[in-house]
C-alpha atoms as a PDB file:
ATOM      1  CA  ALA A   1     -16.738   6.474  -2.253  1.00  0.00           C
ATOM      2  CA  HIS A   2     -19.612   4.114  -1.585  1.00  0.00           C
ATOM      3  CA  GLN A   3     -20.890   2.656   1.666  1.00  0.00           C
ATOM      4  CA  ARG A   4     -23.709   0.128   1.650  1.00  0.00           C
ATOM      5  CA  LYS A   5     -26.254   0.392   4.436  1.00  0.00           C
ATOM      6  CA  GLY A   6     -25.086  -1.620   7.421  1.00  0.00           C
ATOM      7  CA  ASP A   7     -21.467  -1.929   6.216  1.00  0.00           C
ATOM      8  CA  ALA A   8     -18.633  -0.503   8.284  1.00  0.00           C
ATOM      9  CA  GLN A   9     -16.379  -0.307   5.239  1.00  0.00           C
ATOM     10  CA  ARG A  10     -16.289   2.329   2.515  1.00  0.00           C
ATOM     11  CA  ASN A  11     -15.704   1.101  -1.042  1.00  0.00           C
ATOM     12  CA  ILE A  12     -15.360   2.695  -4.462  1.00  0.00           C
ATOM     13  CA  ALA A  13     -18.201   2.390  -6.956  1.00  0.00           C
ATOM     14  CA  ILE A  14     -18.861   3.804 -10.403  1.00  0.00           C
ATOM     15  CA  MET A  15     -22.143   4.511 -12.132  1.00  0.00           C
ATOM     16  CA  ASP A  16     -22.913   3.905 -15.786  1.00  0.00           C
ATOM     17  CA  LEU A  17     -24.666   7.165 -16.644  1.00  0.00           C
ATOM     18  CA  GLY A  18     -26.610   5.537 -19.483  1.00  0.00           C
ATOM     19  CA  THR A  19     -28.125   2.730 -17.432  1.00  0.00           C
ATOM     20  CA  ARG A  20     -27.788   4.287 -13.943  1.00  0.00           C
ATOM     21  CA  VAL A  21     -26.348   0.955 -12.756  1.00  0.00           C
ATOM     22  CA  VAL A  22     -23.822   1.235  -9.908  1.00  0.00           C
ATOM     23  CA  ARG A  23     -20.907  -1.231  -9.899  1.00  0.00           C
ATOM     24  CA  LEU A  24     -18.545  -1.700  -6.973  1.00  0.00           C
ATOM     25  CA  LEU A  25     -14.879  -1.584  -7.926  1.00  0.00           C
ATOM     26  CA  THR A  26     -13.608  -2.562  -4.484  1.00  0.00           C
ATOM     27  CA  HIS A  27     -14.942  -5.161  -2.081  1.00  0.00           C
ATOM     28  CA  GLU A  28     -13.453  -4.356   1.303  1.00  0.00           C
ATOM     29  CA  SER A  29     -13.867  -7.147   3.857  1.00  0.00           C
ATOM     30  CA  ASP A  30     -11.844  -5.702   6.748  1.00  0.00           C
ATOM     31  CA  PRO A  31     -14.248  -3.819   9.065  1.00  0.00           C
ATOM     32  CA  GLU A  32     -11.491  -1.220   9.636  1.00  0.00           C
ATOM     33  CA  GLY A  33     -10.655  -0.807   5.933  1.00  0.00           C
ATOM     34  CA  PHE A  34     -11.830   1.931   3.624  1.00  0.00           C
ATOM     35  CA  TRP A  35     -11.063   3.156   0.106  1.00  0.00           C
ATOM     36  CA  SER A  36     -10.800   6.704  -1.271  1.00  0.00           C
ATOM     37  CA  PRO A  37     -10.623   7.544  -4.987  1.00  0.00           C
ATOM     38  CA  VAL A  38      -7.809   9.946  -5.898  1.00  0.00           C
ATOM     39  CA  ALA A  39      -7.250  10.368  -9.640  1.00  0.00           C
ATOM     40  CA  TRP A  40      -8.096   8.938 -13.050  1.00  0.00           C
ATOM     41  CA  SER A  41      -5.455   7.921 -15.572  1.00  0.00           C
ATOM     42  CA  SER A  42      -5.337  10.119 -18.688  1.00  0.00           C
ATOM     43  CA  ASP A  43      -7.275   7.535 -20.720  1.00  0.00           C
ATOM     44  CA  GLY A  44      -9.856   6.925 -17.970  1.00  0.00           C
ATOM     45  CA  SER A  45      -9.199   3.187 -17.779  1.00  0.00           C
ATOM     46  CA  THR A  46      -7.457   3.248 -14.400  1.00  0.00           C
ATOM     47  CA  LEU A  47      -8.293   4.799 -11.064  1.00  0.00           C
ATOM     48  CA  ILE A  48      -5.651   5.548  -8.441  1.00  0.00           C
ATOM     49  CA  ALA A  49      -7.016   5.026  -4.935  1.00  0.00           C
ATOM     50  CA  ASN A  50      -5.913   4.942  -1.309  1.00  0.00           C
ATOM     51  CA  ARG A  51      -6.801   2.009   0.931  1.00  0.00           C
ATOM     52  CA  GLU A  52      -6.552   2.837   4.617  1.00  0.00           C
ATOM     53  CA  LYS A  53      -7.356   1.382   7.984  1.00  0.00           C
ATOM     54  CA  THR A  54      -9.229   3.501  10.495  1.00  0.00           C
ATOM     55  CA  GLY A  55      -7.573   4.905  13.532  1.00  0.00           C
ATOM     56  CA  LEU A  56      -4.987   7.583  13.980  1.00  0.00           C
ATOM     57  CA  GLY A  57      -1.948   6.732  11.889  1.00  0.00           C
ATOM     58  CA  GLY A  58      -3.554   3.581  10.507  1.00  0.00           C
ATOM     59  CA  ASP A  59      -1.904   1.704   7.677  1.00  0.00           C
ATOM     60  CA  ALA A  60      -2.363   3.183   4.201  1.00  0.00           C
ATOM     61  CA  ALA A  61      -1.328   2.019   0.731  1.00  0.00           C
ATOM     62  CA  ILE A  62      -1.792   3.272  -2.825  1.00  0.00           C
ATOM     63  CA  TRP A  63      -3.613   1.060  -5.313  1.00  0.00           C
ATOM     64  CA  ARG A  64      -4.293   1.037  -9.062  1.00  0.00           C
ATOM     65  CA  ILE A  65      -7.774  -0.148 -10.085  1.00  0.00           C
ATOM     66  CA  ASP A  66      -8.414  -1.341 -13.634  1.00  0.00           C
ATOM     67  CA  VAL A  67     -11.905   0.053 -14.192  1.00  0.00           C
ATOM     68  CA  PRO A  68     -13.199  -2.395 -16.855  1.00  0.00           C
ATOM     69  CA  SER A  69     -12.263  -5.489 -14.820  1.00  0.00           C
ATOM     70  CA  GLY A  70     -12.340  -4.014 -11.304  1.00  0.00           C
ATOM     71  CA  LYS A  71      -8.979  -5.648 -10.566  1.00  0.00           C
ATOM     72  CA  ALA A  72      -7.099  -3.756  -7.833  1.00  0.00           C
ATOM     73  CA  THR A  73      -3.303  -3.959  -7.698  1.00  0.00           C
ATOM     74  CA  PRO A  74      -1.177  -2.414  -4.932  1.00  0.00           C
ATOM     75  CA  ILE A  75       1.313   0.254  -6.018  1.00  0.00           C
ATOM     76  CA  THR A  76       2.858   0.548  -2.560  1.00  0.00           C
ATOM     77  CA  ALA A  77       3.050  -2.167   0.070  1.00  0.00           C
ATOM     78  CA  ALA A  78       0.736  -2.098   3.069  1.00  0.00           C
ATOM     79  CA  LYS A  79       2.888  -2.673   6.135  1.00  0.00           C
ATOM     80  CA  PRO A  80       1.931  -2.076   9.770  1.00  0.00           C
ATOM     81  CA  GLY A  81       2.521   1.581  10.576  1.00  0.00           C
ATOM     82  CA  SER A  82       3.283   2.578   6.968  1.00  0.00           C
ATOM     83  CA  ARG A  83       1.392   5.512   5.453  1.00  0.00           C
ATOM     84  CA  ASN A  84       1.381   6.007   1.683  1.00  0.00           C
ATOM     85  CA  LEU A  85      -1.326   8.331   0.363  1.00  0.00           C
ATOM     86  CA  ALA A  86      -1.628   9.338  -3.285  1.00  0.00           C
ATOM     87  CA  ALA A  87      -2.600  12.872  -4.268  1.00  0.00           C
ATOM     88  CA  GLY A  88      -2.522  12.467  -8.059  1.00  0.00           C
ATOM     89  CA  ILE A  89      -0.901  10.690 -10.991  1.00  0.00           C
ATOM     90  CA  THR A  90       1.205  12.146 -13.800  1.00  0.00           C
ATOM     91  CA  ALA A  91      -0.200  12.252 -17.331  1.00  0.00           C
ATOM     92  CA  ASP A  92       2.020   9.345 -18.436  1.00  0.00           C
ATOM     93  CA  GLY A  93       0.839   7.239 -15.490  1.00  0.00           C
ATOM     94  CA  ARG A  94       4.386   6.542 -14.293  1.00  0.00           C
ATOM     95  CA  GLN A  95       4.534   8.685 -11.146  1.00  0.00           C
ATOM     96  CA  VAL A  96       2.244   9.340  -8.204  1.00  0.00           C
ATOM     97  CA  ALA A  97       2.289  12.396  -5.946  1.00  0.00           C
ATOM     98  CA  VAL A  98       2.571  10.956  -2.465  1.00  0.00           C
ATOM     99  CA  THR A  99       2.446  11.732   1.240  1.00  0.00           C
ATOM    100  CA  SER A 100       4.390   9.045   3.073  1.00  0.00           C
ATOM    101  CA  ASN A 101       6.295   8.145   6.197  1.00  0.00           C
ATOM    102  CA  PHE A 102       8.547   5.721   4.281  1.00  0.00           C
ATOM    103  CA  GLY A 103      12.036   5.847   5.817  1.00  0.00           C
ATOM    104  CA  SER A 104      10.982   8.589   8.228  1.00  0.00           C
ATOM    105  CA  ALA A 105       9.179   9.078  11.508  1.00  0.00           C
ATOM    106  CA  GLN A 106       7.043  11.847  10.005  1.00  0.00           C
ATOM    107  CA  LEU A 107       4.934  12.400   6.923  1.00  0.00           C
ATOM    108  CA  ARG A 108       6.626  14.063   3.956  1.00  0.00           C
ATOM    109  CA  ALA A 109       5.696  14.843   0.369  1.00  0.00           C
ATOM    110  CA  GLY A 110       7.320  13.483  -2.735  1.00  0.00           C
ATOM    111  CA  ILE A 111       6.908  11.676  -6.025  1.00  0.00           C
ATOM    112  CA  TYR A 112       6.749   7.880  -6.204  1.00  0.00           C
ATOM    113  CA  ASP A 113       7.972   6.198  -9.397  1.00  0.00           C
ATOM    114  CA  ILE A 114       5.715   3.201  -9.977  1.00  0.00           C
ATOM    115  CA  GLU A 115       8.101   1.273 -12.233  1.00  0.00           C
ATOM    116  CA  SER A 116      11.280   1.642 -10.159  1.00  0.00           C
ATOM    117  CA  LYS A 117       9.359   1.605  -6.837  1.00  0.00           C
ATOM    118  CA  SER A 118      11.381   4.573  -5.621  1.00  0.00           C
ATOM    119  CA  TYR A 119      10.624   7.895  -3.941  1.00  0.00           C
ATOM    120  CA  ARG A 120      11.926  11.362  -4.833  1.00  0.00           C
ATOM    121  CA  TRP A 121      11.408  13.552  -1.795  1.00  0.00           C
ATOM    122  CA  LEU A 122      11.022  17.295  -1.660  1.00  0.00           C
ATOM    123  CA  ALA A 123      13.665  19.332   0.152  1.00  0.00           C
ATOM    124  CA  PRO A 124      14.084  18.100   3.746  1.00  0.00           C
ATOM    125  CA  THR A 125      12.079  19.890   6.421  1.00  0.00           C
ATOM    126  CA  PRO A 126      11.680  19.239  10.136  1.00  0.00           C
ATOM    127  CA  TRP A 127       7.922  19.745   9.678  1.00  0.00           C
ATOM    128  CA  GLU A 128       5.139  17.424   8.557  1.00  0.00           C
ATOM    129  CA  GLN A 129       4.409  17.865   4.867  1.00  0.00           C
ATOM    130  CA  TRP A 130       1.509  16.743   2.658  1.00  0.00           C
ATOM    131  CA  ALA A 131       1.082  16.365  -1.099  1.00  0.00           C
ATOM    132  CA  VAL A 132      -2.349  17.935  -1.600  1.00  0.00           C
ATOM    133  CA  THR A 133      -3.241  17.719  -5.297  1.00  0.00           C
ATOM    134  CA  MET A 134      -1.852  17.982  -8.819  1.00  0.00           C
ATOM    135  CA  SER A 135      -2.630  20.706 -11.310  1.00  0.00           C
ATOM    136  CA  PRO A 136      -4.989  19.793 -14.191  1.00  0.00           C
ATOM    137  CA  ASP A 137      -2.014  19.513 -16.590  1.00  0.00           C
ATOM    138  CA  ARG A 138      -0.388  17.182 -14.024  1.00  0.00           C
ATOM    139  CA  GLN A 139       2.910  19.071 -14.134  1.00  0.00           C
ATOM    140  CA  SER A 140       2.672  20.794 -10.741  1.00  0.00           C
ATOM    141  CA  LEU A 141       1.897  19.673  -7.221  1.00  0.00           C
ATOM    142  CA  LEU A 142       0.404  21.677  -4.366  1.00  0.00           C
ATOM    143  CA  VAL A 143       2.128  20.887  -1.054  1.00  0.00           C
ATOM    144  CA  LYS A 144       1.275  22.018   2.462  1.00  0.00           C
ATOM    145  CA  THR A 145       3.835  22.108   5.249  1.00  0.00           C
ATOM    146  CA  TRP A 146       2.867  22.417   8.903  1.00  0.00           C
ATOM    147  CA  GLU A 147       5.513  24.831  10.206  1.00  0.00           C
ATOM    148  CA  ASN A 148       5.455  25.581  13.911  1.00  0.00           C
ATOM    149  CA  GLY A 149       1.675  25.950  14.134  1.00  0.00           C
ATOM    150  CA  ARG A 150       1.279  27.548  10.698  1.00  0.00           C
ATOM    151  CA  VAL A 151       0.463  25.988   7.339  1.00  0.00           C
ATOM    152  CA  GLU A 152       2.591  27.080   4.390  1.00  0.00           C
ATOM    153  CA  LEU A 153       1.576  26.242   0.813  1.00  0.00           C
ATOM    154  CA  SER A 154       4.012  25.654  -2.047  1.00  0.00           C
ATOM    155  CA  VAL A 155       3.736  24.700  -5.706  1.00  0.00           C
ATOM    156  CA  VAL A 156       6.283  22.130  -6.876  1.00  0.00           C
ATOM    157  CA  ASP A 157       7.282  21.498 -10.506  1.00  0.00           C
ATOM    158  CA  ILE A 158       7.138  17.697 -10.771  1.00  0.00           C
ATOM    159  CA  ALA A 159       9.862  17.420 -13.431  1.00  0.00           C
ATOM    160  CA  THR A 160      12.463  19.654 -11.761  1.00  0.00           C
ATOM    161  CA  HIS A 161      11.328  19.483  -8.121  1.00  0.00           C
ATOM    162  CA  SER A 162      11.685  23.264  -7.916  1.00  0.00           C
ATOM    163  CA  GLU A 163       9.495  24.598  -5.150  1.00  0.00           C
ATOM    164  CA  ARG A 164       7.772  27.998  -5.070  1.00  0.00           C
ATOM    165  CA  ARG A 165       6.260  29.052  -1.758  1.00  0.00           C
ATOM    166  CA  LEU A 166       2.979  30.901  -2.147  1.00  0.00           C
ATOM    167  CA  LYS A 167       2.964  34.392  -0.673  1.00  0.00           C
ATOM    168  CA  LEU A 168       0.148  34.125   1.820  1.00  0.00           C
ATOM    169  CA  PRO A 169      -0.245  35.818   5.202  1.00  0.00           C
ATOM    170  CA  PRO A 170       1.033  33.788   8.181  1.00  0.00           C
ATOM    171  CA  GLY A 171      -1.543  31.406   9.595  1.00  0.00           C
ATOM    172  CA  VAL A 172      -3.370  28.219   8.752  1.00  0.00           C
ATOM    173  CA  ASN A 173      -3.452  28.550   4.967  1.00  0.00           C
ATOM    174  CA  GLY A 174      -5.264  25.709   3.279  1.00  0.00           C
ATOM    175  CA  GLY A 175      -5.691  23.990   6.616  1.00  0.00           C
ATOM    176  CA  ASN A 176      -8.731  22.061   5.402  1.00  0.00           C
ATOM    177  CA  LEU A 177      -7.013  20.862   2.240  1.00  0.00           C
ATOM    178  CA  SER A 178      -6.155  17.185   2.349  1.00  0.00           C
ATOM    179  CA  TRP A 179      -4.665  14.751  -0.147  1.00  0.00           C
ATOM    180  CA  GLY A 180      -6.359  14.148  -3.479  1.00  0.00           C
ATOM    181  CA  THR A 181      -8.891  16.294  -5.225  1.00  0.00           C
ATOM    182  CA  THR A 182     -12.197  17.110  -3.635  1.00  0.00           C
ATOM    183  CA  PRO A 183     -14.980  17.969  -6.100  1.00  0.00           C
ATOM    184  CA  GLY A 184     -15.842  21.641  -5.813  1.00  0.00           C
ATOM    185  CA  MET A 185     -12.548  22.453  -4.076  1.00  0.00           C
ATOM    186  CA  GLU A 186     -10.272  22.867  -7.075  1.00  0.00           C
ATOM    187  CA  VAL A 187      -7.096  24.639  -6.013  1.00  0.00           C
ATOM    188  CA  PHE A 188      -5.603  25.189  -9.489  1.00  0.00           C
ATOM    189  CA  SER A 189      -7.248  27.029 -12.357  1.00  0.00           C
ATOM    190  CA  HIS A 190      -8.324  24.784 -15.242  1.00  0.00           C
ATOM    191  CA  ASP A 191      -5.401  26.008 -17.378  1.00  0.00           C
ATOM    192  CA  SER A 192      -2.960  25.166 -14.506  1.00  0.00           C
ATOM    193  CA  ARG A 193      -1.425  28.663 -14.561  1.00  0.00           C
ATOM    194  CA  SER A 194      -2.723  29.770 -11.157  1.00  0.00           C
END
């Protein structure tokens, strides 16, 4: 993320490592708007990003940014009160791991199919649920569920939607983990097996 001095907004920029020239990919004009990078496409030509408005429960939508041109295209619609946050993209670029309140009063985790514009939700739960990040092989998804004051972590197979709860002691497990990947906070091993 990039924030120019004096700007209220946060944009996304990339740096050419050869020339050290920084180029903005987004040009947010709304003083309440900000962008967060989430995941690169397998070929590195596209960046999946979240565009949000500040404030508790502010609007959020998922966007696809063509890196060579800088053209940003919405994947999900930005509607007042709607929250769609990406946490990763599958290797084929067809599906996005998502945290959303679409069709619900609470946030829940699922997979969004970009082509059909449809959601596949995880098993229903009365608790708020977040898609945290995808494994490096992009076949599994880490999900956190806020259950009655505790945070439970599960790994979900994206193809089958089978869910395996991690055996962790009761408490706030992964409480600081949020959507997307945070450099230095990898939660899967590089071979995606653990």
